[in-house]
């Protein structure tokens, strides 16, 4: 049986300082909150994201950021749009 969840898994390399990366990640979270009503909270170097239809995390790793999310049924139709928006904002903030 196929899962009704769609998954996003994006890694983005960077050469920024941890503080710059944290600010960029907070900017991404603010945009997701504004557009999709997601809440966020830091758990060490991981920003946990949650809201109706989305459960995700943005992890700060040495030299890269990893974004993982599970999209519920309603958001799965928007997966391509959500993924491209995340990639665009990562490039804008970290390149």
Foldseek 3Di string as FASTA:
>chain_A
DDDLKDKDKDKDFFDDDLVLVVVLVVVVLVVCCVPPVWDWDDDDQKIWIDDVQKTWIWGDDVGMIIIMMIGHNVCVVVVVVVNVVVVVSCVVRGD
